[in-house]
Amino acid sequence: MNGNHLSISRRDLMAGTAAVATLAFAGSAARAQEGPLSFGLALPLSGSQALYGQDQVKGAEWGVAEINAAGGVNGRMLEMIILDTQADPQIGIQAANRLISVEKVPVMVSAFSAVVKAIAPVAEDGRTVQLSVGANSPDVARLGDYTYTTFPLSTVDITAVANYAVTELGKSRAAVVFINNETGVVAAELYRDVFTSAGGEVVAYEAYDPKATDWTGPLLKVRAAEPDVIHLQGLVADSPQVIAQMRQLGLNQPITSYSGLYNPQLIAQLGAAAEGVIATSLAPGVDDDPNVMAYVERWKSEVGREPNGLPYTQYLHDAPYVVAAVFKSLLDKDLPLTGENFRTELVAIRTFEQPLTGRLTINDDHTVDKPVYLMEVKGGKWTRLAVIE
């Protein structure tokens, strides 16, 4: 001490600097703990499936907005980082890598079977949960410890529609037409096996290339086989064109398909050619749940139309609620927001109450079960044919 001057040693200065740095780091860490809860969404915003992917994203955005408007998760807002996959497996891998390595999310939501399958090894290596919300291939249940589905796989609805064709519609000769990719191949095999086991015969079994724009070859083989029902397992974008060509070639038999065909675009595109098409739906409709009725009315009011692929948008709307429930459990337990911990809590919670799709229970084999609503185009509109539990 010298007069009124304070002497500070180098050691004291270094200690003080370290203390300030420690406080700054602690403050930064505290702010991070109070910041938004981020998760990824990888869906087609462009490309051939964009018409459906964009509506699915809007459904998810509405779900996030509702959660945040209600106070978020323990006061923290959900933040959804959206990336475009173009429904292309390689672009999906790029999106997953960015979400894991750059955005550091513990969970990402995806859809489309080929994309989900491509992302799975990336999710596994990065110990980041992939929630498949819309893929239908049964292989989705076998993609490792970090891939789960909240959407029922084709083992649920394809089994139901194949059995129904034999036991209720009285059909005995089926043709199966399918796209030669992850969406089509396994589901087509499942339909063939179930239809045969139920007492029917598959008289034609024809694949088509995903890039095809003309399906005359396989459809002529179907016509020659004279089936009394045709099952189509294609993508939502190409299926209406395939059906149109079926009708042009005189194939006027009933056509069954999965939930990808259950949307207003099918009727808008095909008109009278859509009559008799039977598709599955894996979510309640406007006549089943007032929440769904309000949701569809919101689409009409804000967008000017019904959503493309209504059930898919319902599941995407509800996906953030699953994410929020798991985040809340992690925060309540003061656990780090890692992919490993997210997976553990997801499995521990297991059952989630969802606003538009009802109760969701994740099975030990990574699958979920839901009622199957069979919808038929009748008089130019979708009408319920049956409900199969």
Protein backbone atom coordinates (compact mmCIF):
# COMPACT_ATOMS: atom_id res chain seq x y z
CA MET A 1 0.00 0.00 0.00
CA ASN A 2 1.50 3.37 -1.03
CA GLY A 3 -0.56 6.44 -0.05
CA ASN A 4 -3.95 6.29 -1.76
CA HIS A 5 -2.71 3.97 -4.49
CA LEU A 6 -3.62 0.28 -4.54
CA SER A 7 -0.88 -2.09 -5.59
CA ILE A 8 -2.10 -5.24 -7.40
CA SER A 9 0.26 -8.13 -7.98
CA ARG A 10 0.39 -10.17 -11.24
CA ARG A 11 -0.87 -13.15 -9.28
CA ASP A 12 -3.83 -11.17 -7.94
CA LEU A 13 -4.60 -9.87 -11.42
CA MET A 14 -4.56 -13.36 -12.92
CA ALA A 15 -6.77 -14.67 -10.14
CA GLY A 16 -9.24 -11.85 -10.67
CA THR A 17 -9.30 -12.42 -14.44
CA ALA A 18 -9.91 -16.11 -13.91
CA ALA A 19 -12.77 -15.34 -11.55
CA VAL A 20 -14.37 -13.01 -14.09
CA ALA A 21 -13.96 -15.65 -16.81
CA THR A 22 -15.52 -18.27 -14.56
CA LEU A 23 -18.47 -16.01 -13.84
CA ALA A 24 -18.86 -15.23 -17.54
CA PHE A 25 -18.81 -18.95 -18.42
CA ALA A 26 -21.33 -19.69 -15.67
CA GLY A 27 -23.56 -16.91 -16.93
CA SER A 28 -23.28 -18.24 -20.50
CA ALA A 29 -24.09 -21.77 -19.35
CA ALA A 30 -27.07 -20.51 -17.37
CA ARG A 31 -28.36 -18.62 -20.40
CA ALA A 32 -27.95 -21.76 -22.51
CA GLN A 33 -30.00 -23.68 -19.98
CA GLU A 34 -32.68 -21.02 -20.27
CA GLY A 35 -32.58 -20.83 -24.07
CA PRO A 36 -34.83 -22.55 -26.62
CA LEU A 37 -35.14 -26.31 -26.79
CA SER A 38 -34.06 -27.22 -30.31
CA PHE A 39 -35.02 -30.23 -32.39
CA GLY A 40 -34.75 -31.02 -36.09
CA LEU A 41 -37.34 -31.55 -38.81
CA ALA A 42 -36.18 -33.10 -42.10
CA LEU A 43 -38.92 -33.19 -44.76
CA PRO A 44 -39.28 -32.49 -48.50
CA LEU A 45 -39.80 -28.78 -49.06
CA SER A 46 -38.94 -29.08 -52.74
CA GLY A 47 -38.98 -31.85 -55.34
CA SER A 48 -41.71 -34.27 -56.35
CA GLN A 49 -43.10 -34.74 -52.82
CA ALA A 50 -43.02 -31.06 -51.81
CA LEU A 51 -46.79 -30.65 -52.10
CA TYR A 52 -47.18 -33.05 -49.19
CA GLY A 53 -43.99 -32.26 -47.30
CA GLN A 54 -44.83 -28.55 -47.11
CA ASP A 55 -48.24 -29.30 -45.60
CA GLN A 56 -46.64 -31.66 -43.09
CA VAL A 57 -44.20 -28.92 -42.08
CA LYS A 58 -47.09 -26.49 -41.60
CA GLY A 59 -48.82 -28.98 -39.32
CA ALA A 60 -45.63 -29.31 -37.24
CA GLU A 61 -45.23 -25.51 -37.12
CA TRP A 62 -48.76 -25.16 -35.75
CA GLY A 63 -47.99 -27.77 -33.09
CA VAL A 64 -44.84 -25.91 -31.99
CA ALA A 65 -46.70 -22.59 -31.94
CA GLU A 66 -49.45 -24.05 -29.73
CA ILE A 67 -46.93 -25.45 -27.25
CA ASN A 68 -45.02 -22.17 -27.09
CA ALA A 69 -48.21 -20.12 -26.74
CA ALA A 70 -49.07 -22.24 -23.69
CA GLY A 71 -45.73 -21.38 -22.06
CA GLY A 72 -43.41 -23.79 -23.82
CA VAL A 73 -41.66 -26.49 -21.80
CA ASN A 74 -41.02 -25.36 -18.22
CA GLY A 75 -40.99 -21.82 -19.56
CA ARG A 76 -38.55 -22.55 -22.38
CA MET A 77 -39.63 -22.25 -26.00
CA LEU A 78 -39.44 -25.06 -28.56
CA GLU A 79 -37.31 -24.28 -31.60
CA MET A 80 -37.78 -26.41 -34.72
CA ILE A 81 -34.88 -26.39 -37.19
CA ILE A 82 -36.32 -27.29 -40.60
CA LEU A 83 -34.22 -28.78 -43.41
CA ASP A 84 -35.24 -29.92 -46.89
CA THR A 85 -34.69 -33.58 -47.88
CA GLN A 86 -36.49 -33.48 -51.27
CA ALA A 87 -37.55 -37.03 -50.23
CA ASP A 88 -34.08 -38.03 -51.47
CA PRO A 89 -32.02 -40.40 -49.26
CA GLN A 90 -28.67 -38.72 -49.99
CA ILE A 91 -30.01 -35.24 -49.28
CA GLY A 92 -31.63 -36.67 -46.16
CA ILE A 93 -28.22 -37.87 -44.97
CA GLN A 94 -26.80 -34.38 -45.50
CA ALA A 95 -29.65 -32.87 -43.50
CA ALA A 96 -29.16 -35.37 -40.66
CA ASN A 97 -25.43 -34.70 -40.53
CA ARG A 98 -26.04 -30.97 -40.21
CA LEU A 99 -28.67 -31.41 -37.51
CA ILE A 100 -26.36 -33.67 -35.50
CA SER A 101 -22.96 -32.08 -36.07
CA VAL A 102 -23.82 -28.38 -36.47
CA GLU A 103 -27.16 -27.83 -34.74
CA LYS A 104 -26.40 -30.39 -32.00
CA VAL A 105 -30.05 -31.48 -31.64
CA PRO A 106 -30.84 -34.54 -29.48
CA VAL A 107 -33.80 -35.53 -31.70
CA MET A 108 -34.94 -35.05 -35.28
CA VAL A 109 -38.26 -35.78 -36.97
CA SER A 110 -38.28 -37.30 -40.47
CA ALA A 111 -40.53 -39.12 -42.94
CA PHE A 112 -40.54 -41.12 -46.21
CA SER A 113 -39.26 -44.68 -45.89
CA ALA A 114 -36.17 -44.39 -48.10
CA VAL A 115 -35.04 -41.23 -46.28
CA VAL A 116 -35.68 -42.67 -42.82
CA LYS A 117 -33.69 -45.77 -43.69
CA ALA A 118 -30.79 -43.70 -45.05
CA ILE A 119 -30.71 -41.44 -41.98
CA ALA A 120 -30.82 -44.30 -39.46
CA PRO A 121 -27.06 -45.15 -39.47
CA VAL A 122 -26.24 -41.45 -39.12
CA ALA A 123 -28.59 -41.17 -36.15
CA GLU A 124 -27.10 -44.31 -34.61
CA ASP A 125 -23.52 -43.09 -34.97
CA GLY A 126 -24.42 -39.65 -33.68
CA ARG A 127 -26.50 -41.03 -30.80
CA THR A 128 -29.36 -38.80 -31.87
CA VAL A 129 -32.97 -39.99 -31.85
CA GLN A 130 -34.77 -40.14 -35.19
CA LEU A 131 -38.56 -40.03 -34.89
CA SER A 132 -40.07 -41.36 -38.10
CA VAL A 133 -43.44 -39.67 -38.58
CA GLY A 134 -44.94 -40.89 -41.84
CA ALA A 135 -42.75 -43.69 -43.21
CA ASN A 136 -44.61 -46.98 -43.67
CA SER A 137 -41.99 -49.65 -44.43
CA PRO A 138 -41.84 -52.39 -41.78
CA ASP A 139 -38.04 -52.07 -41.98
CA VAL A 140 -38.35 -48.82 -39.99
CA ALA A 141 -38.79 -50.96 -36.86
CA ARG A 142 -35.41 -52.60 -37.44
CA LEU A 143 -33.10 -49.63 -38.00
CA GLY A 144 -31.23 -49.58 -34.72
CA ASP A 145 -31.56 -48.25 -31.19
CA TYR A 146 -32.03 -44.59 -32.15
CA THR A 147 -34.82 -44.81 -34.76
CA TYR A 148 -38.42 -44.97 -33.54
CA THR A 149 -41.72 -44.43 -35.30
CA THR A 150 -44.77 -42.56 -34.06
CA PHE A 151 -46.63 -43.53 -37.25
CA PRO A 152 -48.04 -47.06 -37.69
CA LEU A 153 -46.11 -49.10 -40.22
CA SER A 154 -47.65 -51.03 -43.10
CA THR A 155 -47.87 -54.14 -40.93
CA VAL A 156 -50.90 -52.37 -39.43
CA ASP A 157 -52.87 -50.93 -42.35
CA ILE A 158 -51.74 -53.15 -45.23
CA THR A 159 -52.61 -56.22 -43.18
CA ALA A 160 -56.03 -54.72 -42.48
CA VAL A 161 -56.84 -53.79 -46.08
CA ALA A 162 -55.60 -57.12 -47.50
CA ASN A 163 -57.72 -59.11 -45.08
CA TYR A 164 -60.71 -56.86 -45.70
CA ALA A 165 -60.46 -57.39 -49.47
CA VAL A 166 -60.89 -61.15 -49.03
CA THR A 167 -63.17 -61.46 -46.02
CA GLU A 168 -65.49 -58.46 -46.51
CA LEU A 169 -65.27 -57.50 -50.18
CA GLY A 170 -65.25 -61.14 -51.30
CA LYS A 171 -62.26 -60.70 -53.65
CA SER A 172 -60.27 -63.79 -54.57
CA ARG A 173 -57.88 -62.65 -57.34
CA ALA A 174 -55.60 -59.71 -56.61
CA ALA A 175 -53.01 -57.86 -58.64
CA VAL A 176 -50.30 -55.96 -56.77
CA VAL A 177 -48.65 -52.96 -58.45
CA PHE A 178 -45.84 -51.26 -56.53
CA ILE A 179 -43.01 -48.77 -56.79
CA ASN A 180 -39.60 -50.40 -56.67
CA ASN A 181 -38.26 -48.61 -53.59
CA GLU A 182 -38.50 -48.69 -49.79
CA THR A 183 -42.10 -47.47 -49.81
CA GLY A 184 -43.32 -50.14 -52.21
CA VAL A 185 -41.32 -53.34 -52.05
CA VAL A 186 -41.81 -54.54 -48.47
CA ALA A 187 -45.43 -53.37 -48.25
CA ALA A 188 -46.24 -55.16 -51.52
CA GLU A 189 -44.74 -58.37 -50.16
CA LEU A 190 -46.82 -57.97 -47.02
CA TYR A 191 -50.07 -57.47 -48.99
CA ARG A 192 -49.30 -60.51 -51.16
CA ASP A 193 -48.63 -62.72 -48.12
CA VAL A 194 -51.67 -61.57 -46.14
CA PHE A 195 -54.04 -61.77 -49.12
CA THR A 196 -52.82 -65.30 -49.85
CA SER A 197 -53.06 -66.39 -46.21
CA ALA A 198 -56.64 -65.10 -46.11
CA GLY A 199 -57.56 -67.47 -48.96
CA GLY A 200 -57.03 -65.29 -52.03
CA GLU A 201 -54.65 -65.65 -54.97
CA VAL A 202 -52.24 -63.00 -56.25
CA VAL A 203 -52.45 -63.35 -60.03
CA ALA A 204 -50.14 -60.46 -60.97
CA TYR A 205 -47.24 -58.90 -59.08
CA GLU A 206 -45.71 -55.96 -60.95
CA ALA A 207 -43.06 -53.41 -59.90
CA TYR A 208 -42.36 -50.10 -61.62
CA ASP A 209 -39.34 -47.81 -61.61
CA PRO A 210 -39.51 -44.79 -59.26
CA LYS A 211 -38.60 -42.52 -62.19
CA ALA A 212 -41.20 -43.97 -64.56
CA THR A 213 -43.68 -41.68 -66.29
CA ASP A 214 -45.47 -44.44 -68.21
CA TRP A 215 -46.72 -47.67 -66.67
CA THR A 216 -48.23 -49.38 -69.73
CA GLY A 217 -46.00 -52.47 -69.56
CA PRO A 218 -46.81 -53.66 -66.04
CA LEU A 219 -50.44 -52.56 -66.32
CA LEU A 220 -51.00 -54.60 -69.47
CA LYS A 221 -49.74 -57.64 -67.57
CA VAL A 222 -52.23 -56.85 -64.82
CA ARG A 223 -55.05 -56.57 -67.35
CA ALA A 224 -54.14 -59.93 -68.87
CA ALA A 225 -54.28 -61.58 -65.41
CA GLU A 226 -57.92 -60.49 -64.92
CA PRO A 227 -57.84 -59.71 -61.18
CA ASP A 228 -60.98 -58.73 -59.29
CA VAL A 229 -59.10 -56.21 -57.11
CA ILE A 230 -55.87 -54.23 -57.60
CA HIS A 231 -53.64 -53.10 -54.78
CA LEU A 232 -51.40 -50.10 -55.55
CA GLN A 233 -48.39 -49.28 -53.37
CA GLY A 234 -46.87 -46.11 -54.78
CA LEU A 235 -45.84 -42.65 -53.68
CA VAL A 236 -48.42 -39.94 -53.11
CA ALA A 237 -47.20 -37.99 -56.15
CA ASP A 238 -47.20 -40.79 -58.75
CA SER A 239 -50.17 -42.90 -57.62
CA PRO A 240 -52.89 -40.69 -59.17
CA GLN A 241 -51.12 -40.91 -62.53
CA VAL A 242 -50.84 -44.69 -62.25
CA ILE A 243 -54.57 -44.96 -61.47
CA ALA A 244 -55.43 -42.68 -64.39
CA GLN A 245 -53.53 -44.98 -66.73
CA MET A 246 -55.21 -48.03 -65.21
CA ARG A 247 -58.60 -46.57 -66.04
CA GLN A 248 -57.48 -45.62 -69.56
CA LEU A 249 -56.48 -49.26 -70.12
CA GLY A 250 -59.89 -50.48 -68.99
CA LEU A 251 -58.87 -51.60 -65.52
CA ASN A 252 -62.05 -50.64 -63.71
CA GLN A 253 -61.69 -53.00 -60.76
CA PRO A 254 -61.71 -51.68 -57.18
CA ILE A 255 -58.29 -50.29 -56.24
CA THR A 256 -56.96 -50.47 -52.69
CA SER A 257 -53.97 -48.62 -51.32
CA TYR A 258 -52.39 -47.24 -48.16
CA SER A 259 -52.81 -43.86 -46.46
CA GLY A 260 -50.71 -42.02 -49.04
CA LEU A 261 -53.72 -41.97 -51.37
CA TYR A 262 -56.15 -40.61 -48.80
CA ASN A 263 -56.12 -36.94 -49.73
CA PRO A 264 -58.33 -34.50 -51.65
CA GLN A 265 -55.77 -34.19 -54.44
CA LEU A 266 -56.60 -37.70 -55.63
CA ILE A 267 -60.22 -36.77 -56.35
CA ALA A 268 -59.26 -33.36 -57.74
CA GLN A 269 -56.81 -34.96 -60.18
CA LEU A 270 -58.82 -38.02 -61.19
CA GLY A 271 -62.44 -36.98 -61.01
CA ALA A 272 -64.70 -39.92 -61.85
CA ALA A 273 -61.66 -42.20 -62.26
CA ALA A 274 -61.19 -42.06 -58.50
CA GLU A 275 -64.53 -43.76 -57.82
CA GLY A 276 -64.10 -47.03 -55.95
CA VAL A 277 -60.59 -46.31 -54.70
CA ILE A 278 -60.16 -47.56 -51.13
CA ALA A 279 -57.34 -46.12 -49.00
CA THR A 280 -56.41 -46.42 -45.37
CA SER A 281 -56.25 -43.66 -42.80
CA LEU A 282 -54.43 -44.08 -39.50
CA ALA A 283 -55.84 -41.08 -37.68
CA PRO A 284 -59.31 -39.93 -36.58
CA GLY A 285 -61.28 -37.82 -39.04
CA VAL A 286 -63.47 -34.76 -38.69
CA ASP A 287 -66.44 -36.93 -37.69
CA ASP A 288 -64.45 -38.67 -34.96
CA ASP A 289 -62.87 -35.84 -33.01
CA PRO A 290 -63.83 -32.15 -32.60
CA ASN A 291 -60.14 -31.27 -32.40
CA VAL A 292 -59.63 -32.68 -35.89
CA MET A 293 -62.69 -30.79 -37.16
CA ALA A 294 -61.28 -27.54 -35.77
CA TYR A 295 -57.89 -28.34 -37.29
CA VAL A 296 -59.36 -28.87 -40.76
CA GLU A 297 -61.45 -25.72 -40.43
CA ARG A 298 -58.29 -23.81 -39.61
CA TRP A 299 -56.74 -25.09 -42.82
CA LYS A 300 -59.73 -23.93 -44.81
CA SER A 301 -59.73 -20.55 -43.10
CA GLU A 302 -55.99 -19.78 -43.19
CA VAL A 303 -54.84 -21.72 -46.25
CA GLY A 304 -58.03 -21.86 -48.29
CA ARG A 305 -58.17 -25.65 -48.61
CA GLU A 306 -57.90 -28.95 -46.77
CA PRO A 307 -54.38 -30.29 -46.17
CA ASN A 308 -52.83 -32.75 -48.60
CA GLY A 309 -52.58 -36.07 -46.80
CA LEU A 310 -54.62 -35.07 -43.75
CA PRO A 311 -53.55 -37.99 -41.47
CA TYR A 312 -49.86 -37.33 -42.14
CA THR A 313 -50.23 -33.66 -41.22
CA GLN A 314 -52.03 -34.72 -38.04
CA TYR A 315 -49.10 -36.91 -37.00
CA LEU A 316 -46.63 -34.13 -37.86
CA HIS A 317 -48.71 -31.65 -35.85
CA ASP A 318 -48.52 -34.00 -32.86
CA ALA A 319 -44.81 -34.84 -33.17
CA PRO A 320 -43.68 -31.68 -31.30
CA TYR A 321 -45.91 -32.74 -28.41
CA VAL A 322 -43.91 -35.97 -28.09
CA VAL A 323 -40.67 -33.97 -28.25
CA ALA A 324 -41.95 -31.50 -25.66
CA ALA A 325 -43.03 -34.27 -23.26
CA VAL A 326 -39.57 -35.86 -23.37
CA PHE A 327 -37.82 -32.50 -22.98
CA LYS A 328 -40.00 -31.77 -19.93
CA SER A 329 -39.04 -35.07 -18.33
CA LEU A 330 -35.35 -34.33 -18.89
CA LEU A 331 -35.67 -30.83 -17.45
CA ASP A 332 -37.67 -32.04 -14.44
CA LYS A 333 -34.93 -34.59 -13.71
CA ASP A 334 -32.18 -32.02 -14.38
CA LEU A 335 -30.62 -34.32 -16.98
CA PRO A 336 -28.41 -33.13 -19.86
CA LEU A 337 -30.33 -32.72 -23.12
CA THR A 338 -28.43 -35.39 -25.04
CA GLY A 339 -29.62 -37.89 -27.59
CA GLU A 340 -28.81 -40.74 -25.22
CA ASN A 341 -30.92 -39.24 -22.45
CA PHE A 342 -33.70 -38.34 -24.89
CA ARG A 343 -33.88 -41.96 -26.03
CA THR A 344 -33.96 -43.24 -22.44
CA GLU A 345 -36.79 -40.90 -21.46
CA LEU A 346 -38.76 -41.58 -24.66
CA VAL A 347 -38.78 -45.30 -23.87
CA ALA A 348 -39.49 -44.70 -20.18
CA ILE A 349 -42.51 -42.47 -20.84
CA ARG A 350 -43.74 -44.71 -23.66
CA THR A 351 -47.34 -43.45 -23.75
CA PHE A 352 -48.27 -39.94 -24.94
CA GLU A 353 -51.67 -38.27 -25.20
CA GLN A 354 -51.84 -36.47 -28.55
CA PRO A 355 -54.30 -33.70 -29.56
CA LEU A 356 -55.08 -34.88 -33.12
CA THR A 357 -54.11 -38.56 -33.29
CA GLY A 358 -55.08 -39.82 -29.85
CA ARG A 359 -53.08 -41.96 -27.49
CA LEU A 360 -49.66 -43.04 -28.71
CA THR A 361 -47.86 -45.99 -27.12
CA ILE A 362 -44.39 -46.94 -28.33
CA ASN A 363 -43.94 -50.70 -28.28
CA ASP A 364 -40.77 -52.54 -27.29
CA ASP A 365 -40.08 -53.28 -30.97
CA HIS A 366 -40.13 -49.53 -31.85
CA THR A 367 -43.59 -49.76 -33.46
CA VAL A 368 -47.00 -48.29 -32.64
CA ASP A 369 -50.53 -49.66 -33.09
CA LYS A 370 -53.55 -47.62 -34.18
CA PRO A 371 -57.07 -48.28 -35.49
CA VAL A 372 -57.31 -48.44 -39.29
CA TYR A 373 -59.98 -46.33 -40.98
CA LEU A 374 -60.84 -47.62 -44.46
CA MET A 375 -61.95 -44.73 -46.68
CA GLU A 376 -63.62 -45.10 -50.10
CA VAL A 377 -64.21 -42.56 -52.86
CA LYS A 378 -67.95 -42.59 -53.33
CA GLY A 379 -69.96 -39.94 -55.13
CA GLY A 380 -66.90 -37.77 -55.56
CA LYS A 381 -65.87 -37.63 -51.91
CA TRP A 382 -64.10 -39.73 -49.32
CA THR A 383 -66.53 -41.73 -47.17
CA ARG A 384 -65.82 -44.16 -44.38
CA LEU A 385 -66.13 -47.79 -45.35
CA ALA A 386 -65.03 -49.48 -42.10
CA VAL A 387 -62.96 -49.12 -38.94
CA ILE A 388 -60.62 -51.98 -38.06
CA GLU A 389 -59.18 -52.06 -34.54
